[in-house]
Amino acid sequence: MKMDYSYNLTQEQKLVLTHEMQLSIKVLQMSANELKEYINDEFAENPILEIQENISNSADSKNKELDKYDYKEMIKYLEFDNYGAQSYGSYDEEEISPFNFISEKKSLKEYLYEQINEIEENDLIISIAGYIVESLDNRGYLEISIEEIAKEINIDKALVEEALEVVQDLEPYGIGARNLKECLKIQLINLGLIDDILEKIVDDHLEDIANSKYGNIAKSLNISPREAQRYGDIIRKLEPKPSRGFFTGDDVKFIIPDAEIRNIQGEFYIIMNDGILPKLSVNNAYKEVLNTNTDDGTTEYVKEKLNKAISIVKSIEQRRSTLYKVLEKIVEKQKDFLLKGVNSIKPMTLKEISEDIKMHESTVSRAIKDKYILTSFGTIKIKDLFVSKLSVGKNDEDVAVTIIKKKIKNMIDKENKKKPLSDQVICDNLNSEKINISRRTVAKYREELGIQSSSKRKRI
């Protein structure tokens, strides 16, 4: 058997992501909170990295015209306000941080224990009640059964039931419920509103309440549709998640804007909030190790850590530079919004921005991911400024979908609840404003706003 061997030369393109490129992408899409934590973790692990004290916040502008203003006058513009982080600049003893006015959220368990400690009950019931409190989920519900608790702590089931009654008498009402129906009933009992009809509606007609099918309830309970609606209004005012308003461990961190867009004498300036991040630098002392000829692996270790440190510093600076370029274009395209508010927002897409700054669309997407800016109208998620558009009118004028949705919501808010507006009527109203939109699109936007159809919004 004869075998032929031959060589073929082929050429192909491959994109190989280096470690530095991967790190750059990772850092770019981090939020300010995530980047802060990442820097602190790397500083703890890498002896090459040093953290410098932030003496003052830096401020960027589109040009150097700020220099012509009096320095003392500009101080008030260039110091970043303390929104959401203590690291936004420093305060003298005589100054007051607005951050100090944010009250500390009390934990749900702390609030429940405060009440339990004031109850005149025997120590055993108090202890079991405490065990039940520790078993509540983040909604304030008790998902574990009485039988399981009795078995876990080796105690009589009747004592657990007695302790559960103690817990269910605590505020906020509904705590310790084992399901939604029990949660609503506990609230009705504690509020003194419970009666046979309300109890039956909670047991059998919650879905009818959700869909505003008061006729079904009226027929089933032999009451008028108006009475059914009145009962439904009572149930709608109850809280299905009794832990709401208390810290349960699921809350997100304070929002930290990456930059502020500030209007100074009619011109917009981008002030990067550099003060929130620890300032990293490379410890030069370790460079001397590279000049020594040692074979104990020290040189290789220092090289590895030094390369990592340099890559981190470069990636952070690149993140800042990329975000600044994106913000420059956003300011250029959204001046009306920055001056007048959300009603003046313009349609804007990732593709438009990426083409303008000559970057890939995915890079722009990563640059704005989970990032916020501070404006005259509050702290805004950058992503919310990217809104789709709808071409309307003969001249194909573009209108932001956000504005159309707001118009739909305003119409529904002002409608006669006895005769709610149908999607077709809303469509006709928008068409009369020279916004050419179909009934199907109106229905789609209404559903995205979380608004029910006209039949379910109807009041009797």
Protein backbone atom coordinates (compact mmCIF):
# COMPACT_ATOMS: atom_id res chain seq x y z
CA MET A 1 0.00 0.00 0.00
CA LYS A 2 1.48 3.29 -1.11
CA MET A 3 0.76 6.50 0.82
CA ASP A 4 1.22 9.96 -0.66
CA TYR A 5 2.28 12.84 1.53
CA SER A 6 1.90 16.44 0.46
CA TYR A 7 2.13 19.91 1.98
CA ASN A 8 -0.55 22.57 1.57
CA LEU A 9 -0.03 26.20 2.54
CA THR A 10 -3.21 27.96 3.60
CA GLN A 11 -3.79 31.40 5.02
CA GLU A 12 -6.54 32.24 7.47
CA GLN A 13 -7.37 35.13 9.75
CA LYS A 14 -7.91 34.59 13.45
CA LEU A 15 -8.63 37.03 16.20
CA VAL A 16 -6.72 36.02 19.29
CA LEU A 17 -7.71 37.90 22.42
CA THR A 18 -4.63 38.58 24.48
CA HIS A 19 -4.84 38.70 28.26
CA GLU A 20 -4.54 42.49 28.09
CA MET A 21 -7.45 42.77 25.63
CA GLN A 22 -9.60 40.51 27.80
CA LEU A 23 -8.82 42.62 30.86
CA SER A 24 -9.63 45.81 28.97
CA ILE A 25 -13.04 44.46 27.92
CA LYS A 26 -13.74 43.24 31.45
CA VAL A 27 -12.90 46.62 33.02
CA LEU A 28 -14.78 48.60 30.36
CA GLN A 29 -18.12 47.01 31.18
CA MET A 30 -17.77 47.28 34.97
CA SER A 31 -19.99 49.68 36.87
CA ALA A 32 -18.34 52.21 39.19
CA ASN A 33 -19.11 50.00 42.21
CA GLU A 34 -17.74 46.87 40.54
CA LEU A 35 -14.58 48.65 39.40
CA LYS A 36 -13.98 50.03 42.87
CA GLU A 37 -14.23 46.53 44.37
CA TYR A 38 -12.03 45.10 41.62
CA ILE A 39 -9.30 47.70 42.24
CA ASN A 40 -9.33 47.01 45.98
CA ASP A 41 -9.09 43.25 45.38
CA GLU A 42 -6.19 43.63 42.94
CA PHE A 43 -4.39 46.01 45.30
CA ALA A 44 -4.66 43.42 48.08
CA GLU A 45 -3.20 40.68 45.87
CA ASN A 46 -0.59 42.55 43.80
CA PRO A 47 2.34 44.09 45.75
CA ILE A 48 3.39 46.06 42.64
CA LEU A 49 0.27 48.23 42.84
CA GLU A 50 0.08 51.32 45.00
CA ILE A 51 -2.94 53.46 45.88
CA GLN A 52 -2.39 57.21 45.95
CA GLU A 53 -4.46 59.59 48.02
CA ASN A 54 -7.13 61.44 46.04
CA ILE A 55 -6.40 65.05 46.97
CA SER A 56 -9.04 66.48 44.70
CA ASN A 57 -11.37 65.41 41.96
CA SER A 58 -10.30 66.04 38.41
CA ALA A 59 -12.57 67.76 35.94
CA ASP A 60 -12.59 67.43 32.18
CA SER A 61 -14.10 69.78 29.66
CA LYS A 62 -14.39 69.91 25.93
CA ASN A 63 -11.90 72.77 25.82
CA LYS A 64 -9.75 74.94 28.09
CA GLU A 65 -12.15 77.86 28.30
CA LEU A 66 -12.67 77.21 32.00
CA ASP A 67 -9.26 78.82 32.61
CA LYS A 68 -10.60 82.28 31.86
CA TYR A 69 -13.03 82.13 34.80
CA ASP A 70 -12.03 83.22 38.28
CA TYR A 71 -10.65 80.21 40.16
CA LYS A 72 -12.66 80.82 43.34
CA GLU A 73 -15.83 81.19 41.31
CA MET A 74 -15.17 77.90 39.47
CA ILE A 75 -14.60 75.89 42.65
CA LYS A 76 -18.35 75.48 43.10
CA TYR A 77 -18.64 74.08 39.57
CA LEU A 78 -15.71 71.71 39.59
CA GLU A 79 -16.16 70.02 42.95
CA PHE A 80 -18.27 66.94 42.37
CA ASP A 81 -21.34 66.78 44.59
CA ASN A 82 -21.60 63.92 47.06
CA TYR A 83 -24.26 61.75 45.49
CA GLY A 84 -24.17 58.19 46.72
CA ALA A 85 -20.57 57.83 47.91
CA GLN A 86 -18.45 59.22 50.70
CA SER A 87 -15.43 59.24 48.41
CA TYR A 88 -16.78 62.10 46.28
CA GLY A 89 -14.40 64.72 47.62
CA SER A 90 -13.80 65.57 51.26
CA TYR A 91 -15.65 67.59 53.88
CA ASP A 92 -14.31 69.79 56.63
CA GLU A 93 -15.69 69.39 60.11
CA GLU A 94 -17.89 72.45 59.65
CA GLU A 95 -19.32 71.19 56.37
CA ILE A 96 -22.28 68.83 56.10
CA SER A 97 -22.41 65.98 53.63
CA PRO A 98 -25.84 65.41 52.02
CA PHE A 99 -24.97 61.73 52.37
CA ASN A 100 -25.50 62.13 56.13
CA PHE A 101 -29.17 62.88 55.54
CA ILE A 102 -29.80 59.45 54.00
CA SER A 103 -31.36 57.50 56.83
CA GLU A 104 -30.04 54.04 57.49
CA LYS A 105 -32.46 51.35 56.38
CA LYS A 106 -33.63 49.26 59.28
CA SER A 107 -33.54 45.55 58.70
CA LEU A 108 -36.86 43.71 58.78
CA LYS A 109 -35.56 41.25 61.37
CA GLU A 110 -34.32 44.08 63.60
CA TYR A 111 -37.76 45.67 63.49
CA LEU A 112 -39.49 42.37 64.31
CA TYR A 113 -37.12 41.61 67.20
CA GLU A 114 -37.78 45.06 68.67
CA GLN A 115 -41.48 44.19 68.81
CA ILE A 116 -40.94 40.66 70.11
CA ASN A 117 -38.84 41.97 73.00
CA GLU A 118 -41.79 44.11 74.14
CA ILE A 119 -44.29 41.22 74.15
CA GLU A 120 -45.35 39.78 77.51
CA GLU A 121 -44.99 36.08 76.70
CA ASN A 122 -43.07 33.22 78.26
CA ASP A 123 -39.45 32.80 77.21
CA LEU A 124 -40.10 29.59 75.28
CA ILE A 125 -42.69 31.19 72.96
CA ILE A 126 -40.41 34.22 72.50
CA SER A 127 -37.53 31.91 71.52
CA ILE A 128 -39.67 30.02 69.00
CA ALA A 129 -40.95 33.31 67.58
CA GLY A 130 -37.32 34.35 67.11
CA TYR A 131 -36.63 31.08 65.28
CA ILE A 132 -39.60 31.77 62.98
CA VAL A 133 -38.34 35.29 62.27
CA GLU A 134 -34.97 33.82 61.26
CA SER A 135 -36.79 31.44 58.90
CA LEU A 136 -38.63 34.18 56.94
CA ASP A 137 -37.73 34.67 53.28
CA ASN A 138 -36.94 38.04 51.69
CA ARG A 139 -40.66 38.75 51.16
CA GLY A 140 -41.48 38.19 54.83
CA TYR A 141 -43.16 34.84 54.14
CA LEU A 142 -42.63 31.61 56.10
CA GLU A 143 -41.93 28.94 53.49
CA ILE A 144 -41.00 26.21 55.98
CA SER A 145 -43.96 24.32 57.52
CA ILE A 146 -44.92 24.25 61.21
CA GLU A 147 -44.23 20.50 61.22
CA GLU A 148 -40.69 21.02 59.92
CA ILE A 149 -39.95 23.72 62.51
CA ALA A 150 -41.29 21.49 65.32
CA LYS A 151 -39.09 18.66 64.10
CA GLU A 152 -35.99 20.85 63.69
CA ILE A 153 -36.10 22.25 67.22
CA ASN A 154 -37.65 19.12 68.76
CA ILE A 155 -40.70 20.80 70.25
CA ASP A 156 -44.44 20.33 70.27
CA LYS A 157 -46.25 21.50 67.13
CA ALA A 158 -48.87 23.38 69.17
CA LEU A 159 -46.16 25.61 70.65
CA VAL A 160 -44.89 26.48 67.16
CA GLU A 161 -48.45 27.40 66.10
CA GLU A 162 -48.76 29.64 69.17
CA ALA A 163 -45.44 31.35 68.38
CA LEU A 164 -46.47 31.82 64.73
CA GLU A 165 -49.62 33.63 65.88
CA VAL A 166 -47.36 35.98 67.86
CA VAL A 167 -45.27 36.68 64.76
CA GLN A 168 -48.33 37.21 62.57
CA ASP A 169 -49.59 39.88 64.98
CA LEU A 170 -46.43 41.92 64.42
CA GLU A 171 -46.06 44.83 62.04
CA PRO A 172 -45.82 45.10 59.09
CA TYR A 173 -49.06 43.16 58.84
CA GLY A 174 -48.79 40.02 56.73
CA ILE A 175 -45.46 38.92 58.19
CA GLY A 176 -45.17 35.17 58.75
CA ALA A 177 -47.79 34.27 56.15
CA ARG A 178 -47.24 31.00 54.31
CA ASN A 179 -48.83 32.12 51.05
CA LEU A 180 -50.39 35.16 49.40
CA LYS A 181 -53.94 34.40 50.51
CA GLU A 182 -52.94 34.08 54.16
CA CYS A 183 -50.86 37.27 53.85
CA LEU A 184 -53.88 39.25 52.63
CA LYS A 185 -56.17 37.77 55.29
CA ILE A 186 -53.73 38.65 58.08
CA GLN A 187 -53.73 42.25 56.89
CA LEU A 188 -57.54 42.39 56.67
CA ILE A 189 -57.85 40.96 60.21
CA ASN A 190 -55.33 43.37 61.73
CA LEU A 191 -56.91 46.31 59.92
CA GLY A 192 -60.38 45.30 61.16
CA LEU A 193 -61.76 44.95 57.62
CA ILE A 194 -62.32 41.21 57.34
CA ASP A 195 -65.81 39.85 56.65
CA ASP A 196 -67.20 36.72 55.01
CA ILE A 197 -67.36 38.24 51.53
CA LEU A 198 -63.78 39.57 51.60
CA GLU A 199 -62.55 36.21 52.87
CA LYS A 200 -64.32 34.37 50.03
CA ILE A 201 -62.96 36.81 47.43
CA VAL A 202 -59.41 36.26 48.72
CA ASP A 203 -59.91 32.48 48.70
CA ASP A 204 -61.59 32.12 45.30
CA HIS A 205 -61.41 35.29 43.21
CA LEU A 206 -57.93 36.86 43.28
CA GLU A 207 -57.53 36.16 39.57
CA ASP A 208 -60.86 37.89 38.87
CA ILE A 209 -59.62 40.90 40.89
CA ALA A 210 -56.43 41.00 38.81
CA ASN A 211 -58.45 40.95 35.58
CA SER A 212 -61.18 43.33 36.86
CA LYS A 213 -63.85 40.67 36.26
CA TYR A 214 -66.23 42.03 38.88
CA GLY A 215 -69.23 40.48 37.13
CA ASN A 216 -67.91 36.99 37.94
CA ILE A 217 -67.44 37.91 41.60
CA ALA A 218 -70.88 39.52 41.81
CA LYS A 219 -72.59 36.49 40.32
CA SER A 220 -70.69 34.04 42.53
CA LEU A 221 -71.34 35.92 45.79
CA ASN A 222 -74.78 37.29 44.95
CA ILE A 223 -73.76 40.93 45.26
CA SER A 224 -73.85 43.84 42.83
CA PRO A 225 -70.90 44.47 40.45
CA ARG A 226 -70.38 47.84 42.16
CA GLU A 227 -70.03 46.12 45.56
CA ALA A 228 -67.62 43.59 44.03
CA GLN A 229 -65.56 46.45 42.68
CA ARG A 230 -65.50 48.15 46.11
CA TYR A 231 -64.25 44.93 47.72
CA GLY A 232 -61.70 44.61 44.95
CA ASP A 233 -60.40 48.12 45.69
CA ILE A 234 -59.84 47.15 49.34
CA ILE A 235 -57.83 44.07 48.35
CA ARG A 236 -55.77 46.00 45.77
CA LYS A 237 -54.59 48.35 48.54
CA LEU A 238 -53.10 45.48 50.56
CA GLU A 239 -49.37 44.66 50.42
CA PRO A 240 -48.52 41.29 48.82
CA LYS A 241 -44.88 41.65 49.94
CA PRO A 242 -44.89 42.74 53.60
CA SER A 243 -41.09 43.14 53.72
CA ARG A 244 -41.24 46.04 51.25
CA GLY A 245 -39.49 49.11 52.60
CA PHE A 246 -37.18 47.13 54.87
CA PHE A 247 -33.63 46.03 54.19
CA THR A 248 -33.65 42.29 53.46
CA GLY A 249 -30.16 41.84 52.01
CA ASP A 250 -31.35 42.02 48.39
CA ASP A 251 -31.02 45.79 47.96
CA VAL A 252 -28.60 47.11 45.37
CA LYS A 253 -25.78 49.45 46.33
CA PHE A 254 -26.03 53.18 46.12
CA ILE A 255 -25.84 54.42 42.55
CA ILE A 256 -22.55 56.14 41.84
CA PRO A 257 -22.50 58.28 38.67
CA ASP A 258 -19.36 58.00 36.56
CA ALA A 259 -19.69 61.59 35.41
CA GLU A 260 -21.73 64.75 35.66
CA ILE A 261 -23.06 66.77 32.76
CA ARG A 262 -23.13 70.36 34.00
CA ASN A 263 -24.48 73.44 32.30
CA ILE A 264 -22.03 76.32 32.89
CA GLN A 265 -23.11 79.64 31.40
CA GLY A 266 -25.04 77.96 28.59
CA GLU A 267 -22.39 75.40 27.67
CA PHE A 268 -22.31 71.76 28.74
CA TYR A 269 -19.22 70.28 30.37
CA ILE A 270 -18.45 66.67 31.20
CA ILE A 271 -16.99 66.33 34.68
CA MET A 272 -15.60 62.83 35.18
CA ASN A 273 -16.09 61.57 38.71
CA ASP A 274 -12.54 60.31 39.19
CA GLY A 275 -12.68 60.76 42.95
CA ILE A 276 -14.77 57.61 43.44
CA LEU A 277 -11.95 55.28 42.38
CA PRO A 278 -8.69 54.63 44.20
CA LYS A 279 -5.82 56.16 42.21
CA LEU A 280 -3.49 53.33 41.15
CA SER A 281 0.21 53.54 40.34
CA VAL A 282 3.10 51.10 39.95
CA ASN A 283 5.64 50.74 42.76
CA ASN A 284 9.00 51.57 41.15
CA ALA A 285 10.94 49.82 43.91
CA TYR A 286 10.09 46.46 42.39
CA LYS A 287 11.69 47.44 39.07
CA GLU A 288 15.11 47.10 40.73
CA VAL A 289 14.42 43.39 41.23
CA LEU A 290 14.29 42.96 37.46
CA ASN A 291 17.87 44.24 37.19
CA THR A 292 19.20 41.58 39.55
CA ASN A 293 20.25 38.16 38.29
CA THR A 294 18.48 35.72 40.56
CA ASP A 295 17.39 32.21 39.67
CA ASP A 296 14.98 31.67 42.56
CA GLY A 297 11.89 32.61 40.56
CA THR A 298 11.64 36.08 42.10
CA THR A 299 12.30 37.85 38.81
CA GLU A 300 9.58 35.91 36.99
CA TYR A 301 7.11 36.59 39.80
CA VAL A 302 7.84 40.33 39.73
CA LYS A 303 7.58 40.38 35.91
CA GLU A 304 4.17 38.73 36.03
CA LYS A 305 2.83 41.07 38.71
CA LEU A 306 4.33 44.13 37.00
CA ASN A 307 2.73 43.28 33.65
CA LYS A 308 -0.62 42.71 35.38
CA ALA A 309 -0.33 46.01 37.26
CA ILE A 310 0.48 47.98 34.09
CA SER A 311 -2.41 46.29 32.24
CA ILE A 312 -4.85 47.22 35.02
CA VAL A 313 -3.76 50.87 35.07
CA LYS A 314 -3.99 51.07 31.26
CA SER A 315 -7.42 49.37 31.20
CA ILE A 316 -8.84 51.79 33.77
CA GLU A 317 -7.57 54.78 31.82
CA GLN A 318 -8.95 53.31 28.58
CA ARG A 319 -12.35 52.80 30.26
CA ARG A 320 -12.36 56.44 31.29
CA SER A 321 -11.29 57.66 27.84
CA THR A 322 -13.88 55.54 26.01
CA LEU A 323 -16.71 56.61 28.30
CA TYR A 324 -15.71 60.27 27.89
CA LYS A 325 -15.82 59.98 24.07
CA VAL A 326 -19.28 58.37 24.25
CA LEU A 327 -20.55 61.08 26.62
CA GLU A 328 -19.25 63.82 24.31
CA LYS A 329 -21.48 62.50 21.51
CA ILE A 330 -24.44 61.99 23.84
CA VAL A 331 -24.17 65.63 24.98
CA GLU A 332 -24.02 66.70 21.35
CA LYS A 333 -27.14 64.72 20.40
CA GLN A 334 -29.20 65.19 23.58
CA LYS A 335 -28.80 68.91 24.30
CA ASP A 336 -32.58 69.41 24.27
CA PHE A 337 -32.99 66.72 26.92
CA LEU A 338 -30.22 68.23 29.07
CA LEU A 339 -31.95 71.62 28.85
CA LYS A 340 -35.64 70.69 29.04
CA GLY A 341 -35.96 67.16 30.40
CA VAL A 342 -37.30 63.79 29.32
CA ASN A 343 -40.03 65.19 27.04
CA SER A 344 -37.30 66.52 24.75
CA ILE A 345 -35.25 63.36 24.44
CA LYS A 346 -34.17 62.58 20.89
CA PRO A 347 -34.02 59.17 19.21
CA MET A 348 -30.49 57.83 19.47
CA THR A 349 -28.99 54.41 18.78
CA LEU A 350 -25.75 52.63 19.66
CA LYS A 351 -24.99 52.36 15.96
CA GLU A 352 -25.12 56.15 15.47
CA ILE A 353 -22.77 56.80 18.38
CA SER A 354 -20.36 54.02 17.38
CA GLU A 355 -20.13 55.36 13.82
CA ASP A 356 -19.54 58.91 15.06
CA ILE A 357 -16.67 57.97 17.37
CA LYS A 358 -15.39 55.22 15.04
CA MET A 359 -15.69 52.42 17.57
CA HIS A 360 -17.44 49.08 17.37
CA GLU A 361 -21.06 49.02 18.51
CA SER A 362 -20.25 46.35 21.12
CA THR A 363 -17.57 48.64 22.60
CA VAL A 364 -20.09 51.44 23.05
CA SER A 365 -22.54 48.99 24.58
CA ARG A 366 -19.93 47.84 27.11
CA ALA A 367 -18.88 51.43 27.84
CA ILE A 368 -22.41 52.42 28.95
CA LYS A 369 -23.33 49.15 30.69
CA ASP A 370 -24.58 49.79 34.26
CA LYS A 371 -23.24 53.35 34.24
CA TYR A 372 -24.95 56.55 35.33
CA ILE A 373 -24.54 60.27 34.84
CA LEU A 374 -25.68 63.14 37.02
CA THR A 375 -27.74 65.79 35.19
CA SER A 376 -29.92 68.76 36.12
CA PHE A 377 -32.84 66.29 36.11
CA GLY A 378 -31.27 63.80 38.49
CA THR A 379 -29.13 60.71 38.13
CA ILE A 380 -29.81 59.03 34.78
CA LYS A 381 -28.85 55.57 33.55
CA ILE A 382 -26.89 56.22 30.35
CA LYS A 383 -28.60 53.33 28.60
CA ASP A 384 -31.98 55.04 29.08
CA LEU A 385 -30.84 57.84 26.76
CA PHE A 386 -30.62 55.35 23.90
CA VAL A 387 -34.18 55.19 22.65
CA SER A 388 -35.60 53.78 19.45
CA LYS A 389 -37.43 56.00 17.01
CA LEU A 390 -40.60 55.99 14.95
CA SER A 391 -40.77 57.81 11.63
CA VAL A 392 -43.95 59.84 11.46
CA GLY A 393 -45.49 62.34 9.10
CA LYS A 394 -44.83 62.98 5.42
CA ASN A 395 -41.31 64.22 6.02
CA ASP A 396 -40.37 61.07 7.97
CA GLU A 397 -39.78 63.10 11.12
CA ASP A 398 -38.35 60.91 13.89
CA VAL A 399 -40.05 60.75 17.29
CA ALA A 400 -38.57 58.94 20.29
CA VAL A 401 -40.62 55.92 21.37
CA THR A 402 -40.26 57.17 24.96
CA ILE A 403 -42.27 60.28 24.09
CA ILE A 404 -44.99 58.25 22.34
CA LYS A 405 -45.27 55.97 25.38
CA LYS A 406 -45.58 59.00 27.63
CA LYS A 407 -48.39 60.37 25.45
CA ILE A 408 -50.20 57.02 25.67
CA LYS A 409 -49.82 56.96 29.46
CA ASN A 410 -51.06 60.55 29.79
CA MET A 411 -54.17 59.75 27.72
CA ILE A 412 -54.95 56.72 29.88
CA ASP A 413 -54.33 58.64 33.12
CA LYS A 414 -56.88 61.28 32.05
CA GLU A 415 -59.48 58.91 30.58
CA ASN A 416 -62.99 58.42 31.91
CA LYS A 417 -62.60 55.20 33.92
CA LYS A 418 -66.22 54.29 33.21
CA LYS A 419 -65.45 54.42 29.48
CA PRO A 420 -61.70 53.76 29.13
CA LEU A 421 -60.01 54.49 25.84
CA SER A 422 -59.56 51.56 23.48
CA ASP A 423 -56.26 51.04 21.65
CA GLN A 424 -57.95 52.18 18.44
CA VAL A 425 -59.12 55.47 20.01
CA ILE A 426 -55.60 56.10 21.35
CA CYS A 427 -54.24 55.30 17.89
CA ASP A 428 -56.68 57.79 16.29
CA ASN A 429 -55.71 60.49 18.82
CA LEU A 430 -52.02 60.02 18.05
CA ASN A 431 -52.71 60.09 14.32
CA SER A 432 -54.52 63.40 14.80
CA GLU A 433 -51.27 64.72 16.31
CA LYS A 434 -49.54 63.66 13.06
CA ILE A 435 -47.94 60.62 14.71
CA ASN A 436 -48.63 57.82 12.27
CA ILE A 437 -48.87 54.71 14.39
CA SER A 438 -50.92 51.52 14.12
CA ARG A 439 -53.34 50.12 16.68
CA ARG A 440 -51.12 47.06 17.08
CA THR A 441 -48.14 49.27 17.96
CA VAL A 442 -50.24 51.16 20.52
CA ALA A 443 -51.20 47.84 22.13
CA LYS A 444 -47.54 46.80 22.22
CA TYR A 445 -46.41 50.05 23.89
CA ARG A 446 -49.34 49.91 26.36
CA GLU A 447 -48.35 46.40 27.42
CA GLU A 448 -44.70 47.47 27.79
CA LEU A 449 -45.93 50.21 30.14
CA GLY A 450 -47.66 47.56 32.24
CA ILE A 451 -51.13 48.98 31.52
CA GLN A 452 -54.09 46.64 31.14
CA SER A 453 -56.49 46.66 28.20
CA SER A 454 -59.55 48.96 28.23
CA SER A 455 -61.88 46.12 29.29
CA LYS A 456 -59.77 45.45 32.39
CA ARG A 457 -59.44 49.17 33.22
CA LYS A 458 -63.18 49.75 33.20
CA ARG A 459 -64.73 50.98 36.42
CA ILE A 460 -68.36 50.53 37.34
